[in-house]
Amino acid sequence: MTRLLGQLEGERRKLNELGKKSLDQGIPLFENEAVQAQSRKVDEWIVQWLQRKSGREHQLR
């Protein structure tokens, strides 16, 4: 689980960097395909993390 959280944080950092670059260039985030693609990737990592977290909570009960 710790490894998954580390990977999620790495993907979030990439998203933040892309977002900052986009805004610095005056490109709205919703128009930047790279930002949108990375955002979807982060969403997928969050879903994976929540599913694993949920599975562990059920095992503890």
C-alpha atoms as a PDB file:
ATOM      1  CA  MET A   1       0.000   0.000   0.000  1.00  0.00           C
ATOM      2  CA  THR A   2       2.904   2.350   0.772  1.00  0.00           C
ATOM      3  CA  ARG A   3       4.316   1.746  -2.707  1.00  0.00           C
ATOM      4  CA  LEU A   4       0.959   2.595  -4.265  1.00  0.00           C
ATOM      5  CA  LEU A   5       0.749   5.827  -2.269  1.00  0.00           C
ATOM      6  CA  GLY A   6       4.270   6.739  -3.389  1.00  0.00           C
ATOM      7  CA  GLN A   7       3.334   6.197  -7.017  1.00  0.00           C
ATOM      8  CA  LEU A   8       0.144   8.224  -6.564  1.00  0.00           C
ATOM      9  CA  GLU A   9       2.109  11.116  -5.086  1.00  0.00           C
ATOM     10  CA  GLY A  10       4.571  10.975  -7.987  1.00  0.00           C
ATOM     11  CA  GLU A  11       1.720  11.181 -10.492  1.00  0.00           C
ATOM     12  CA  ARG A  12       0.182  14.085  -8.554  1.00  0.00           C
ATOM     13  CA  ARG A  13       3.494  15.942  -8.683  1.00  0.00           C
ATOM     14  CA  LYS A  14       3.621  15.454 -12.466  1.00  0.00           C
ATOM     15  CA  LEU A  15       0.076  16.805 -12.734  1.00  0.00           C
ATOM     16  CA  ASN A  16       0.955  19.856 -10.641  1.00  0.00           C
ATOM     17  CA  GLU A  17       4.040  20.547 -12.770  1.00  0.00           C
ATOM     18  CA  LEU A  18       2.058  20.246 -16.009  1.00  0.00           C
ATOM     19  CA  GLY A  19      -0.657  22.490 -14.609  1.00  0.00           C
ATOM     20  CA  LYS A  20       1.811  25.150 -13.544  1.00  0.00           C
ATOM     21  CA  LYS A  21       3.541  25.119 -16.936  1.00  0.00           C
ATOM     22  CA  SER A  22       0.193  25.361 -18.685  1.00  0.00           C
ATOM     23  CA  LEU A  23      -0.912  28.331 -16.604  1.00  0.00           C
ATOM     24  CA  ASP A  24       2.477  30.016 -17.003  1.00  0.00           C
ATOM     25  CA  GLN A  25       1.988  29.749 -20.778  1.00  0.00           C
ATOM     26  CA  GLY A  26      -1.528  31.170 -20.507  1.00  0.00           C
ATOM     27  CA  ILE A  27      -3.182  27.904 -21.563  1.00  0.00           C
ATOM     28  CA  PRO A  28      -6.343  27.067 -19.609  1.00  0.00           C
ATOM     29  CA  LEU A  29      -6.083  23.694 -17.885  1.00  0.00           C
ATOM     30  CA  PHE A  30      -9.219  22.353 -19.549  1.00  0.00           C
ATOM     31  CA  GLU A  31      -7.712  23.044 -22.990  1.00  0.00           C
ATOM     32  CA  ASN A  32      -4.388  21.336 -22.292  1.00  0.00           C
ATOM     33  CA  GLU A  33      -4.592  17.681 -23.384  1.00  0.00           C
ATOM     34  CA  ALA A  34      -1.442  16.715 -21.459  1.00  0.00           C
ATOM     35  CA  VAL A  35      -2.924  18.068 -18.230  1.00  0.00           C
ATOM     36  CA  GLN A  36      -6.221  16.300 -18.891  1.00  0.00           C
ATOM     37  CA  ALA A  37      -4.481  12.987 -19.635  1.00  0.00           C
ATOM     38  CA  GLN A  38      -2.387  13.228 -16.472  1.00  0.00           C
ATOM     39  CA  SER A  39      -5.477  14.139 -14.471  1.00  0.00           C
ATOM     40  CA  ARG A  40      -7.214  10.988 -15.694  1.00  0.00           C
ATOM     41  CA  LYS A  41      -4.127   8.979 -14.759  1.00  0.00           C
ATOM     42  CA  VAL A  42      -4.191  10.417 -11.225  1.00  0.00           C
ATOM     43  CA  ASP A  43      -7.900   9.603 -10.999  1.00  0.00           C
ATOM     44  CA  GLU A  44      -7.143   5.978 -11.911  1.00  0.00           C
ATOM     45  CA  TRP A  45      -4.450   5.770  -9.215  1.00  0.00           C
ATOM     46  CA  ILE A  46      -6.875   7.200  -6.652  1.00  0.00           C
ATOM     47  CA  VAL A  47      -9.492   4.596  -7.577  1.00  0.00           C
ATOM     48  CA  GLN A  48      -6.910   1.813  -7.199  1.00  0.00           C
ATOM     49  CA  TRP A  49      -5.845   3.149  -3.814  1.00  0.00           C
ATOM     50  CA  LEU A  50      -9.437   3.453  -2.586  1.00  0.00           C
ATOM     51  CA  GLN A  51     -10.264  -0.062  -3.764  1.00  0.00           C
ATOM     52  CA  ARG A  52      -7.275  -1.525  -1.950  1.00  0.00           C
ATOM     53  CA  LYS A  53      -7.999   0.539   1.144  1.00  0.00           C
ATOM     54  CA  SER A  54     -11.608  -0.597   1.110  1.00  0.00           C
ATOM     55  CA  GLY A  55     -10.557  -4.228   0.704  1.00  0.00           C
ATOM     56  CA  ARG A  56      -8.260  -4.010   3.710  1.00  0.00           C
ATOM     57  CA  GLU A  57     -10.964  -2.433   5.875  1.00  0.00           C
ATOM     58  CA  HIS A  58     -13.303  -5.313   5.051  1.00  0.00           C
ATOM     59  CA  GLN A  59     -10.588  -7.816   5.998  1.00  0.00           C
ATOM     60  CA  LEU A  60     -10.108  -6.172   9.401  1.00  0.00           C
ATOM     61  CA  ARG A  61     -13.791  -6.367  10.323  1.00  0.00           C
END
